[in-house]
Amino acid sequence: MADAPPEQGNLFAGIPESLPGELTETLAAGSGSWRIERIVSRGHRSPDDFWYDQDQAEWVLLLSGSAVLLLDGPEGERLFLRPGDWIRLSAHRGHRVESTEAGTDTVWLAVFFDP
């Protein structure tokens, strides 16, 4: 059986000029237990009454731009992310995007996996 040709790309390429909503693209996935996504935000944020509650753990690296995440809990911890910062969230850890930098592409690389 012949090997499939390699795939390649650039995480900063192909971002639309108009981005009315956050852009999420799956870059790779395997047997339902993991996936890698590119997420692009441009001033986007989670709705005020929305919390992510995911079945999988998530590891996220901020590549460009900036963001503020809010973690669910009694203290409502805020995390200020700059390029190079990463965070690992356990499955069902409530979180939301409080803000991303307006007018700038905030590019995230997210890896979802079973805990």
PDB file of N, CA and C in Angstrom:
ATOM      1  N   MET A   1       0.841  -1.174   0.000  1.00  0.00           N
ATOM      2  CA  MET A   1       0.000   0.000   0.000  1.00  0.00           C
ATOM      3  C   MET A   1       0.890   1.243   0.000  1.00  0.00           C
ATOM      4  N   ALA A   2       0.600   2.165  -0.895  1.00  0.00           N
ATOM      5  CA  ALA A   2       1.397   3.385  -1.011  1.00  0.00           C
ATOM      6  C   ALA A   2       1.048   4.368   0.099  1.00  0.00           C
ATOM      7  N   ASP A   3       2.058   5.092   0.542  1.00  0.00           N
ATOM      8  CA  ASP A   3       1.827   6.132   1.538  1.00  0.00           C
ATOM      9  C   ASP A   3       1.040   7.279   0.915  1.00  0.00           C
ATOM     10  N   ALA A   4       0.159   7.873   1.692  1.00  0.00           N
ATOM     11  CA  ALA A   4      -0.567   9.060   1.238  1.00  0.00           C
ATOM     12  C   ALA A   4       0.406  10.224   1.164  1.00  0.00           C
ATOM     13  N   PRO A   5       0.211  11.121   0.219  1.00  0.00           N
ATOM     14  CA  PRO A   5       1.113  12.274   0.161  1.00  0.00           C
ATOM     15  C   PRO A   5       0.960  13.128   1.416  1.00  0.00           C
ATOM     16  N   PRO A   6       2.034  13.763   1.847  1.00  0.00           N
ATOM     17  CA  PRO A   6       1.933  14.602   3.050  1.00  0.00           C
ATOM     18  C   PRO A   6       1.041  15.809   2.789  1.00  0.00           C
ATOM     19  N   GLU A   7       0.381  16.248   3.831  1.00  0.00           N
ATOM     20  CA  GLU A   7      -0.407  17.477   3.758  1.00  0.00           C
ATOM     21  C   GLU A   7       0.383  18.562   4.465  1.00  0.00           C
ATOM     22  N   GLN A   8       0.243  19.783   3.993  1.00  0.00           N
ATOM     23  CA  GLN A   8       0.913  20.886   4.662  1.00  0.00           C
ATOM     24  C   GLN A   8       0.090  22.145   4.482  1.00  0.00           C
ATOM     25  N   GLY A   9       0.366  23.126   5.310  1.00  0.00           N
ATOM     26  CA  GLY A   9      -0.342  24.387   5.231  1.00  0.00           C
ATOM     27  C   GLY A   9       0.357  25.414   6.085  1.00  0.00           C
ATOM     28  N   ASN A  10      -0.297  26.544   6.237  1.00  0.00           N
ATOM     29  CA  ASN A  10       0.225  27.625   7.059  1.00  0.00           C
ATOM     30  C   ASN A  10      -0.925  28.112   7.925  1.00  0.00           C
ATOM     31  N   LEU A  11      -0.726  28.146   9.240  1.00  0.00           N
ATOM     32  CA  LEU A  11      -1.795  28.513  10.164  1.00  0.00           C
ATOM     33  C   LEU A  11      -2.252  29.959  10.018  1.00  0.00           C
ATOM     34  N   PHE A  12      -1.445  30.798   9.363  1.00  0.00           N
ATOM     35  CA  PHE A  12      -1.807  32.202   9.198  1.00  0.00           C
ATOM     36  C   PHE A  12      -2.349  32.497   7.800  1.00  0.00           C
ATOM     37  N   ALA A  13      -2.414  31.494   6.935  1.00  0.00           N
ATOM     38  CA  ALA A  13      -2.883  31.683   5.561  1.00  0.00           C
ATOM     39  C   ALA A  13      -4.370  31.351   5.452  1.00  0.00           C
ATOM     40  N   GLY A  14      -5.004  31.944   4.462  1.00  0.00           N
ATOM     41  CA  GLY A  14      -6.384  31.601   4.157  1.00  0.00           C
ATOM     42  C   GLY A  14      -7.411  32.139   5.138  1.00  0.00           C
ATOM     43  N   ILE A  15      -7.061  33.164   5.881  1.00  0.00           N
ATOM     44  CA  ILE A  15      -8.012  33.773   6.808  1.00  0.00           C
ATOM     45  C   ILE A  15      -8.827  34.798   6.022  1.00  0.00           C
ATOM     46  N   PRO A  16     -10.149  34.661   6.002  1.00  0.00           N
ATOM     47  CA  PRO A  16     -10.974  35.591   5.224  1.00  0.00           C
ATOM     48  C   PRO A  16     -10.840  37.030   5.710  1.00  0.00           C
ATOM     49  N   GLU A  17     -10.961  37.982   4.772  1.00  0.00           N
ATOM     50  CA  GLU A  17     -10.930  39.398   5.154  1.00  0.00           C
ATOM     51  C   GLU A  17     -12.108  39.748   6.038  1.00  0.00           C
ATOM     52  N   SER A  18     -13.272  39.233   5.686  1.00  0.00           N
ATOM     53  CA  SER A  18     -14.467  39.456   6.490  1.00  0.00           C
ATOM     54  C   SER A  18     -14.663  38.249   7.398  1.00  0.00           C
ATOM     55  N   LEU A  19     -14.774  38.497   8.670  1.00  0.00           N
ATOM     56  CA  LEU A  19     -14.906  37.416   9.643  1.00  0.00           C
ATOM     57  C   LEU A  19     -16.039  37.762  10.612  1.00  0.00           C
ATOM     58  N   PRO A  20     -17.304  37.607  10.153  1.00  0.00           N
ATOM     59  CA  PRO A  20     -18.428  37.990  11.006  1.00  0.00           C
ATOM     60  C   PRO A  20     -18.560  37.132  12.264  1.00  0.00           C
ATOM     61  N   GLY A  21     -18.082  35.914  12.205  1.00  0.00           N
ATOM     62  CA  GLY A  21     -18.091  35.025  13.361  1.00  0.00           C
ATOM     63  C   GLY A  21     -16.731  34.361  13.489  1.00  0.00           C
ATOM     64  N   GLU A  22     -16.487  33.776  14.632  1.00  0.00           N
ATOM     65  CA  GLU A  22     -15.230  33.065  14.850  1.00  0.00           C
ATOM     66  C   GLU A  22     -15.096  31.946  13.820  1.00  0.00           C
ATOM     67  N   LEU A  23     -13.906  31.744  13.304  1.00  0.00           N
ATOM     68  CA  LEU A  23     -13.630  30.709  12.302  1.00  0.00           C
ATOM     69  C   LEU A  23     -12.980  29.517  12.984  1.00  0.00           C
ATOM     70  N   THR A  24     -13.559  28.331  12.804  1.00  0.00           N
ATOM     71  CA  THR A  24     -12.999  27.096  13.367  1.00  0.00           C
ATOM     72  C   THR A  24     -12.822  26.094  12.240  1.00  0.00           C
ATOM     73  N   GLU A  25     -11.611  25.557  12.118  1.00  0.00           N
ATOM     74  CA  GLU A  25     -11.305  24.566  11.089  1.00  0.00           C
ATOM     75  C   GLU A  25     -10.590  23.373  11.716  1.00  0.00           C
ATOM     76  N   THR A  26     -11.038  22.170  11.401  1.00  0.00           N
ATOM     77  CA  THR A  26     -10.346  20.962  11.855  1.00  0.00           C
ATOM     78  C   THR A  26      -9.175  20.703  10.916  1.00  0.00           C
ATOM     79  N   LEU A  27      -7.979  20.633  11.464  1.00  0.00           N
ATOM     80  CA  LEU A  27      -6.767  20.393  10.689  1.00  0.00           C
ATOM     81  C   LEU A  27      -6.409  18.916  10.627  1.00  0.00           C
ATOM     82  N   ALA A  28      -6.718  18.186  11.693  1.00  0.00           N
ATOM     83  CA  ALA A  28      -6.429  16.751  11.750  1.00  0.00           C
ATOM     84  C   ALA A  28      -7.314  16.139  12.826  1.00  0.00           C
ATOM     85  N   ALA A  29      -7.635  14.865  12.636  1.00  0.00           N
ATOM     86  CA  ALA A  29      -8.455  14.143  13.615  1.00  0.00           C
ATOM     87  C   ALA A  29      -8.130  12.661  13.506  1.00  0.00           C
ATOM     88  N   GLY A  30      -8.366  11.946  14.586  1.00  0.00           N
ATOM     89  CA  GLY A  30      -8.087  10.524  14.584  1.00  0.00           C
ATOM     90  C   GLY A  30      -9.109   9.731  15.360  1.00  0.00           C
ATOM     91  N   SER A  31      -9.741   8.825  14.725  1.00  0.00           N
ATOM     92  CA  SER A  31     -10.654   7.836  15.303  1.00  0.00           C
ATOM     93  C   SER A  31     -11.587   8.380  16.386  1.00  0.00           C
ATOM     94  N   GLY A  32     -11.992   9.627  16.244  1.00  0.00           N
ATOM     95  CA  GLY A  32     -12.961  10.193  17.168  1.00  0.00           C
ATOM     96  C   GLY A  32     -12.431  10.541  18.536  1.00  0.00           C
ATOM     97  N   SER A  33     -11.192  10.190  18.853  1.00  0.00           N
ATOM     98  CA  SER A  33     -10.692  10.437  20.209  1.00  0.00           C
ATOM     99  C   SER A  33      -9.833  11.692  20.319  1.00  0.00           C
ATOM    100  N   TRP A  34      -9.466  12.298  19.193  1.00  0.00           N
ATOM    101  CA  TRP A  34      -8.677  13.522  19.241  1.00  0.00           C
ATOM    102  C   TRP A  34      -8.895  14.314  17.955  1.00  0.00           C
ATOM    103  N   ARG A  35      -8.664  15.621  18.048  1.00  0.00           N
ATOM    104  CA  ARG A  35      -8.687  16.477  16.864  1.00  0.00           C
ATOM    105  C   ARG A  35      -7.870  17.733  17.142  1.00  0.00           C
ATOM    106  N   ILE A  36      -7.367  18.311  16.076  1.00  0.00           N
ATOM    107  CA  ILE A  36      -6.605  19.555  16.143  1.00  0.00           C
ATOM    108  C   ILE A  36      -7.358  20.589  15.315  1.00  0.00           C
ATOM    109  N   GLU A  37      -7.581  21.761  15.912  1.00  0.00           N
ATOM    110  CA  GLU A  37      -8.324  22.813  15.234  1.00  0.00           C
ATOM    111  C   GLU A  37      -7.524  24.106  15.192  1.00  0.00           C
ATOM    112  N   ARG A  38      -7.744  24.848  14.113  1.00  0.00           N
ATOM    113  CA  ARG A  38      -7.298  26.247  14.053  1.00  0.00           C
ATOM    114  C   ARG A  38      -8.543  27.078  14.315  1.00  0.00           C
ATOM    115  N   ILE A  39      -8.441  28.003  15.251  1.00  0.00           N
ATOM    116  CA  ILE A  39      -9.537  28.903  15.577  1.00  0.00           C
ATOM    117  C   ILE A  39      -9.023  30.325  15.363  1.00  0.00           C
ATOM    118  N   VAL A  40      -9.809  31.127  14.652  1.00  0.00           N
ATOM    119  CA  VAL A  40      -9.427  32.516  14.410  1.00  0.00           C
ATOM    120  C   VAL A  40     -10.528  33.418  14.953  1.00  0.00           C
ATOM    121  N   SER A  41     -10.134  34.332  15.833  1.00  0.00           N
ATOM    122  CA  SER A  41     -11.052  35.318  16.412  1.00  0.00           C
ATOM    123  C   SER A  41     -10.559  36.708  16.025  1.00  0.00           C
ATOM    124  N   ARG A  42     -11.485  37.612  15.836  1.00  0.00           N
ATOM    125  CA  ARG A  42     -11.124  39.004  15.527  1.00  0.00           C
ATOM    126  C   ARG A  42     -12.088  39.901  16.304  1.00  0.00           C
ATOM    127  N   GLY A  43     -11.820  40.044  17.596  1.00  0.00           N
ATOM    128  CA  GLY A  43     -12.716  40.815  18.441  1.00  0.00           C
ATOM    129  C   GLY A  43     -13.918  40.005  18.909  1.00  0.00           C
ATOM    130  N   HIS A  44     -13.928  38.698  18.628  1.00  0.00           N
ATOM    131  CA  HIS A  44     -15.055  37.858  19.016  1.00  0.00           C
ATOM    132  C   HIS A  44     -14.949  37.463  20.484  1.00  0.00           C
ATOM    133  N   ARG A  45     -16.099  37.130  21.051  1.00  0.00           N
ATOM    134  CA  ARG A  45     -16.170  36.691  22.447  1.00  0.00           C
ATOM    135  C   ARG A  45     -17.365  35.773  22.588  1.00  0.00           C
ATOM    136  N   SER A  46     -17.391  35.031  23.690  1.00  0.00           N
ATOM    137  CA  SER A  46     -18.537  34.170  23.995  1.00  0.00           C
ATOM    138  C   SER A  46     -19.716  35.036  24.432  1.00  0.00           C
ATOM    139  N   PRO A  47     -20.941  34.606  24.108  1.00  0.00           N
ATOM    140  CA  PRO A  47     -22.109  35.330  24.636  1.00  0.00           C
ATOM    141  C   PRO A  47     -22.081  35.337  26.163  1.00  0.00           C
ATOM    142  N   ASP A  48     -22.667  36.373  26.761  1.00  0.00           N
ATOM    143  CA  ASP A  48     -22.621  36.553  28.212  1.00  0.00           C
ATOM    144  C   ASP A  48     -23.163  35.364  28.995  1.00  0.00           C
ATOM    145  N   ASP A  49     -24.150  34.670  28.458  1.00  0.00           N
ATOM    146  CA  ASP A  49     -24.771  33.566  29.205  1.00  0.00           C
ATOM    147  C   ASP A  49     -24.278  32.191  28.754  1.00  0.00           C
ATOM    148  N   PHE A  50     -23.137  32.138  28.054  1.00  0.00           N
ATOM    149  CA  PHE A  50     -22.639  30.883  27.478  1.00  0.00           C
ATOM    150  C   PHE A  50     -21.346  30.441  28.160  1.00  0.00           C
ATOM    151  N   TRP A  51     -21.266  29.135  28.454  1.00  0.00           N
ATOM    152  CA  TRP A  51     -20.037  28.518  28.972  1.00  0.00           C
ATOM    153  C   TRP A  51     -19.744  27.275  28.154  1.00  0.00           C
ATOM    154  N   TYR A  52     -18.496  27.108  27.729  1.00  0.00           N
ATOM    155  CA  TYR A  52     -18.097  25.847  27.098  1.00  0.00           C
ATOM    156  C   TYR A  52     -18.097  24.769  28.168  1.00  0.00           C
ATOM    157  N   ASP A  53     -18.680  23.617  27.846  1.00  0.00           N
ATOM    158  CA  ASP A  53     -18.695  22.435  28.718  1.00  0.00           C
ATOM    159  C   ASP A  53     -18.493  21.237  27.798  1.00  0.00           C
ATOM    160  N   GLN A  54     -17.246  20.854  27.606  1.00  0.00           N
ATOM    161  CA  GLN A  54     -16.875  19.878  26.582  1.00  0.00           C
ATOM    162  C   GLN A  54     -16.568  18.520  27.195  1.00  0.00           C
ATOM    163  N   ASP A  55     -16.898  17.464  26.453  1.00  0.00           N
ATOM    164  CA  ASP A  55     -16.644  16.091  26.896  1.00  0.00           C
ATOM    165  C   ASP A  55     -15.164  15.741  26.855  1.00  0.00           C
ATOM    166  N   GLN A  56     -14.383  16.478  26.069  1.00  0.00           N
ATOM    167  CA  GLN A  56     -12.964  16.185  25.939  1.00  0.00           C
ATOM    168  C   GLN A  56     -12.126  17.251  26.637  1.00  0.00           C
ATOM    169  N   ALA A  57     -10.910  16.868  27.006  1.00  0.00           N
ATOM    170  CA  ALA A  57      -9.941  17.842  27.501  1.00  0.00           C
ATOM    171  C   ALA A  57      -9.479  18.675  26.303  1.00  0.00           C
ATOM    172  N   GLU A  58      -8.953  19.865  26.594  1.00  0.00           N
ATOM    173  CA  GLU A  58      -8.521  20.766  25.523  1.00  0.00           C
ATOM    174  C   GLU A  58      -7.199  21.410  25.915  1.00  0.00           C
ATOM    175  N   TRP A  59      -6.253  21.372  24.983  1.00  0.00           N
ATOM    176  CA  TRP A  59      -4.984  22.075  25.134  1.00  0.00           C
ATOM    177  C   TRP A  59      -4.974  23.151  24.057  1.00  0.00           C
ATOM    178  N   VAL A  60      -4.775  24.407  24.456  1.00  0.00           N
ATOM    179  CA  VAL A  60      -4.859  25.521  23.515  1.00  0.00           C
ATOM    180  C   VAL A  60      -3.590  26.364  23.594  1.00  0.00           C
ATOM    181  N   LEU A  61      -3.059  26.695  22.415  1.00  0.00           N
ATOM    182  CA  LEU A  61      -1.889  27.567  22.288  1.00  0.00           C
ATOM    183  C   LEU A  61      -2.319  28.813  21.540  1.00  0.00           C
ATOM    184  N   LEU A  62      -2.041  29.985  22.089  1.00  0.00           N
ATOM    185  CA  LEU A  62      -2.331  31.240  21.397  1.00  0.00           C
ATOM    186  C   LEU A  62      -1.126  31.591  20.537  1.00  0.00           C
ATOM    187  N   LEU A  63      -1.340  31.708  19.226  1.00  0.00           N
ATOM    188  CA  LEU A  63      -0.249  31.962  18.286  1.00  0.00           C
ATOM    189  C   LEU A  63      -0.083  33.434  17.953  1.00  0.00           C
ATOM    190  N   SER A  64      -1.196  34.162  17.878  1.00  0.00           N
ATOM    191  CA  SER A  64      -1.118  35.594  17.579  1.00  0.00           C
ATOM    192  C   SER A  64      -2.319  36.297  18.195  1.00  0.00           C
ATOM    193  N   GLY A  65      -2.202  37.623  18.346  1.00  0.00           N
ATOM    194  CA  GLY A  65      -3.277  38.383  18.965  1.00  0.00           C
ATOM    195  C   GLY A  65      -3.208  38.279  20.478  1.00  0.00           C
ATOM    196  N   SER A  66      -4.361  38.489  21.115  1.00  0.00           N
ATOM    197  CA  SER A  66      -4.444  38.344  22.567  1.00  0.00           C
ATOM    198  C   SER A  66      -5.872  37.969  22.932  1.00  0.00           C
ATOM    199  N   ALA A  67      -6.021  37.406  24.121  1.00  0.00           N
ATOM    200  CA  ALA A  67      -7.345  36.962  24.550  1.00  0.00           C
ATOM    201  C   ALA A  67      -7.422  36.956  26.066  1.00  0.00           C
ATOM    202  N   VAL A  68      -8.659  37.035  26.546  1.00  0.00           N
ATOM    203  CA  VAL A  68      -8.929  36.879  27.969  1.00  0.00           C
ATOM    204  C   VAL A  68      -9.942  35.752  28.098  1.00  0.00           C
ATOM    205  N   LEU A  69      -9.578  34.716  28.865  1.00  0.00           N
ATOM    206  CA  LEU A  69     -10.488  33.610  29.157  1.00  0.00           C
ATOM    207  C   LEU A  69     -10.990  33.759  30.577  1.00  0.00           C
ATOM    208  N   LEU A  70     -12.237  33.378  30.784  1.00  0.00           N
ATOM    209  CA  LEU A  70     -12.817  33.358  32.120  1.00  0.00           C
ATOM    210  C   LEU A  70     -13.145  31.912  32.450  1.00  0.00           C
ATOM    211  N   LEU A  71     -12.648  31.428  33.593  1.00  0.00           N
ATOM    212  CA  LEU A  71     -12.910  30.069  34.038  1.00  0.00           C
ATOM    213  C   LEU A  71     -14.092  30.082  34.991  1.00  0.00           C
ATOM    214  N   ASP A  72     -14.990  29.129  34.817  1.00  0.00           N
ATOM    215  CA  ASP A  72     -16.165  29.015  35.667  1.00  0.00           C
ATOM    216  C   ASP A  72     -15.735  28.567  37.056  1.00  0.00           C
ATOM    217  N   GLY A  73     -16.368  29.098  38.046  1.00  0.00           N
ATOM    218  CA  GLY A  73     -16.063  28.726  39.426  1.00  0.00           C
ATOM    219  C   GLY A  73     -16.335  29.891  40.339  1.00  0.00           C
ATOM    220  N   PRO A  74     -16.233  29.645  41.639  1.00  0.00           N
ATOM    221  CA  PRO A  74     -16.569  30.686  42.608  1.00  0.00           C
ATOM    222  C   PRO A  74     -15.705  31.941  42.477  1.00  0.00           C
ATOM    223  N   GLU A  75     -14.455  31.772  42.059  1.00  0.00           N
ATOM    224  CA  GLU A  75     -13.574  32.931  41.951  1.00  0.00           C
ATOM    225  C   GLU A  75     -13.584  33.554  40.573  1.00  0.00           C
ATOM    226  N   GLY A  76     -14.145  32.855  39.561  1.00  0.00           N
ATOM    227  CA  GLY A  76     -14.193  33.400  38.211  1.00  0.00           C
ATOM    228  C   GLY A  76     -12.830  33.842  37.708  1.00  0.00           C
ATOM    229  N   GLU A  77     -11.853  32.955  37.756  1.00  0.00           N
ATOM    230  CA  GLU A  77     -10.466  33.275  37.394  1.00  0.00           C
ATOM    231  C   GLU A  77     -10.352  33.753  35.946  1.00  0.00           C
ATOM    232  N   ARG A  78      -9.634  34.866  35.742  1.00  0.00           N
ATOM    233  CA  ARG A  78      -9.385  35.413  34.412  1.00  0.00           C
ATOM    234  C   ARG A  78      -7.951  35.092  34.009  1.00  0.00           C
ATOM    235  N   LEU A  79      -7.808  34.633  32.770  1.00  0.00           N
ATOM    236  CA  LEU A  79      -6.482  34.331  32.227  1.00  0.00           C
ATOM    237  C   LEU A  79      -6.230  35.257  31.044  1.00  0.00           C
ATOM    238  N   PHE A  80      -5.141  35.985  31.089  1.00  0.00           N
ATOM    239  CA  PHE A  80      -4.760  36.904  30.019  1.00  0.00           C
ATOM    240  C   PHE A  80      -3.712  36.200  29.172  1.00  0.00           C
ATOM    241  N   LEU A  81      -4.044  35.939  27.898  1.00  0.00           N
ATOM    242  CA  LEU A  81      -3.168  35.166  27.021  1.00  0.00           C
ATOM    243  C   LEU A  81      -2.545  36.050  25.952  1.00  0.00           C
ATOM    244  N   ARG A  82      -1.248  35.840  25.730  1.00  0.00           N
ATOM    245  CA  ARG A  82      -0.480  36.500  24.679  1.00  0.00           C
ATOM    246  C   ARG A  82       0.145  35.413  23.805  1.00  0.00           C
ATOM    247  N   PRO A  83       0.696  35.759  22.645  1.00  0.00           N
ATOM    248  CA  PRO A  83       1.323  34.749  21.795  1.00  0.00           C
ATOM    249  C   PRO A  83       2.344  33.904  22.565  1.00  0.00           C
ATOM    250  N   GLY A  84       2.223  32.609  22.397  1.00  0.00           N
ATOM    251  CA  GLY A  84       3.103  31.659  23.072  1.00  0.00           C
ATOM    252  C   GLY A  84       2.498  31.066  24.330  1.00  0.00           C
ATOM    253  N   ASP A  85       1.465  31.692  24.877  1.00  0.00           N
ATOM    254  CA  ASP A  85       0.824  31.169  26.082  1.00  0.00           C
ATOM    255  C   ASP A  85      -0.082  29.992  25.716  1.00  0.00           C
ATOM    256  N   TRP A  86      -0.119  29.005  26.603  1.00  0.00           N
ATOM    257  CA  TRP A  86      -1.003  27.856  26.399  1.00  0.00           C
ATOM    258  C   TRP A  86      -1.691  27.521  27.709  1.00  0.00           C
ATOM    259  N   ILE A  87      -2.788  26.777  27.563  1.00  0.00           N
ATOM    260  CA  ILE A  87      -3.558  26.343  28.723  1.00  0.00           C
ATOM    261  C   ILE A  87      -4.119  24.957  28.430  1.00  0.00           C
ATOM    262  N   ARG A  88      -4.183  24.131  29.458  1.00  0.00           N
ATOM    263  CA  ARG A  88      -4.823  22.813  29.352  1.00  0.00           C
ATOM    264  C   ARG A  88      -6.049  22.838  30.246  1.00  0.00           C
ATOM    265  N   LEU A  89      -7.194  22.566  29.644  1.00  0.00           N
ATOM    266  CA  LEU A  89      -8.464  22.544  30.365  1.00  0.00           C
ATOM    267  C   LEU A  89      -8.962  21.111  30.440  1.00  0.00           C
ATOM    268  N   SER A  90      -9.335  20.678  31.621  1.00  0.00           N
ATOM    269  CA  SER A  90      -9.875  19.323  31.764  1.00  0.00           C
ATOM    270  C   SER A  90     -11.268  19.261  31.150  1.00  0.00           C
ATOM    271  N   ALA A  91     -11.708  18.054  30.851  1.00  0.00           N
ATOM    272  CA  ALA A  91     -13.056  17.862  30.322  1.00  0.00           C
ATOM    273  C   ALA A  91     -14.069  18.464  31.294  1.00  0.00           C
ATOM    274  N   HIS A  92     -15.087  19.091  30.773  1.00  0.00           N
ATOM    275  CA  HIS A  92     -16.179  19.706  31.535  1.00  0.00           C
ATOM    276  C   HIS A  92     -15.740  20.884  32.399  1.00  0.00           C
ATOM    277  N   ARG A  93     -14.558  21.433  32.141  1.00  0.00           N
ATOM    278  CA  ARG A  93     -14.126  22.643  32.846  1.00  0.00           C
ATOM    279  C   ARG A  93     -14.789  23.826  32.156  1.00  0.00           C
ATOM    280  N   GLY A  94     -15.721  24.461  32.831  1.00  0.00           N
ATOM    281  CA  GLY A  94     -16.436  25.589  32.255  1.00  0.00           C
ATOM    282  C   GLY A  94     -15.491  26.744  31.966  1.00  0.00           C
ATOM    283  N   HIS A  95     -15.598  27.278  30.748  1.00  0.00           N
ATOM    284  CA  HIS A  95     -14.779  28.425  30.377  1.00  0.00           C
ATOM    285  C   HIS A  95     -15.479  29.189  29.258  1.00  0.00           C
ATOM    286  N   ARG A  96     -15.068  30.418  29.080  1.00  0.00           N
ATOM    287  CA  ARG A  96     -15.613  31.260  28.027  1.00  0.00           C
ATOM    288  C   ARG A  96     -14.545  32.252  27.588  1.00  0.00           C
ATOM    289  N   VAL A  97     -14.692  32.733  26.367  1.00  0.00           N
ATOM    290  CA  VAL A  97     -13.789  33.759  25.859  1.00  0.00           C
ATOM    291  C   VAL A  97     -14.406  35.107  26.209  1.00  0.00           C
ATOM    292  N   GLU A  98     -13.737  35.843  27.076  1.00  0.00           N
ATOM    293  CA  GLU A  98     -14.244  37.156  27.469  1.00  0.00           C
ATOM    294  C   GLU A  98     -13.937  38.216  26.436  1.00  0.00           C
ATOM    295  N   SER A  99     -12.771  38.106  25.813  1.00  0.00           N
ATOM    296  CA  SER A  99     -12.437  39.071  24.762  1.00  0.00           C
ATOM    297  C   SER A  99     -11.273  38.550  23.935  1.00  0.00           C
ATOM    298  N   THR A 100     -11.232  39.020  22.690  1.00  0.00           N
ATOM    299  CA  THR A 100     -10.061  38.870  21.829  1.00  0.00           C
ATOM    300  C   THR A 100      -9.795  40.234  21.218  1.00  0.00           C
ATOM    301  N   GLU A 101      -8.600  40.413  20.752  1.00  0.00           N
ATOM    302  CA  GLU A 101      -8.165  41.720  20.257  1.00  0.00           C
ATOM    303  C   GLU A 101      -8.940  42.111  18.999  1.00  0.00           C
ATOM    304  N   ALA A 102      -9.620  43.243  19.037  1.00  0.00           N
ATOM    305  CA  ALA A 102     -10.376  43.738  17.885  1.00  0.00           C
ATOM    306  C   ALA A 102      -9.419  44.208  16.794  1.00  0.00           C
ATOM    307  N   GLY A 103      -9.773  43.934  15.549  1.00  0.00           N
ATOM    308  CA  GLY A 103      -8.962  44.392  14.425  1.00  0.00           C
ATOM    309  C   GLY A 103      -7.700  43.597  14.195  1.00  0.00           C
ATOM    310  N   THR A 104      -7.471  42.572  14.977  1.00  0.00           N
ATOM    311  CA  THR A 104      -6.279  41.721  14.853  1.00  0.00           C
ATOM    312  C   THR A 104      -6.717  40.271  14.841  1.00  0.00           C
ATOM    313  N   ASP A 105      -6.063  39.459  14.021  1.00  0.00           N
ATOM    314  CA  ASP A 105      -6.365  38.027  14.024  1.00  0.00           C
ATOM    315  C   ASP A 105      -5.757  37.383  15.255  1.00  0.00           C
ATOM    316  N   THR A 106      -6.625  36.874  16.121  1.00  0.00           N
ATOM    317  CA  THR A 106      -6.181  36.067  17.247  1.00  0.00           C
ATOM    318  C   THR A 106      -6.284  34.624  16.773  1.00  0.00           C
ATOM    319  N   VAL A 107      -5.144  33.980  16.593  1.00  0.00           N
ATOM    320  CA  VAL A 107      -5.095  32.624  16.044  1.00  0.00           C
ATOM    321  C   VAL A 107      -4.738  31.664  17.171  1.00  0.00           C
ATOM    322  N   TRP A 108      -5.591  30.662  17.329  1.00  0.00           N
ATOM    323  CA  TRP A 108      -5.431  29.633  18.354  1.00  0.00           C
ATOM    324  C   TRP A 108      -5.158  28.296  17.671  1.00  0.00           C
ATOM    325  N   LEU A 109      -4.378  27.442  18.306  1.00  0.00           N
ATOM    326  CA  LEU A 109      -4.232  26.053  17.908  1.00  0.00           C
ATOM    327  C   LEU A 109      -4.765  25.231  19.079  1.00  0.00           C
ATOM    328  N   ALA A 110      -5.837  24.493  18.830  1.00  0.00           N
ATOM    329  CA  ALA A 110      -6.506  23.743  19.899  1.00  0.00           C
ATOM    330  C   ALA A 110      -6.417  22.248  19.625  1.00  0.00           C
ATOM    331  N   VAL A 111      -6.047  21.493  20.646  1.00  0.00           N
ATOM    332  CA  VAL A 111      -5.991  20.033  20.564  1.00  0.00           C
ATOM    333  C   VAL A 111      -7.005  19.486  21.561  1.00  0.00           C
ATOM    334  N   PHE A 112      -7.962  18.709  21.068  1.00  0.00           N
ATOM    335  CA  PHE A 112      -8.993  18.087  21.895  1.00  0.00           C
ATOM    336  C   PHE A 112      -8.676  16.599  22.001  1.00  0.00           C
ATOM    337  N   PHE A 113      -8.798  16.031  23.210  1.00  0.00           N
ATOM    338  CA  PHE A 113      -8.451  14.629  23.394  1.00  0.00           C
ATOM    339  C   PHE A 113      -9.235  14.052  24.566  1.00  0.00           C
ATOM    340  N   ASP A 114      -9.379  12.733  24.571  1.00  0.00           N
ATOM    341  CA  ASP A 114     -10.064  12.076  25.687  1.00  0.00           C
ATOM    342  C   ASP A 114      -9.171  12.133  26.908  1.00  0.00           C
ATOM    343  N   PRO A 115      -9.772  12.442  28.051  1.00  0.00           N
ATOM    344  CA  PRO A 115      -8.965  12.547  29.285  1.00  0.00           C
ATOM    345  C   PRO A 115      -8.419  11.197  29.726  1.00  0.00           C
TER     346      PRO A 115
END
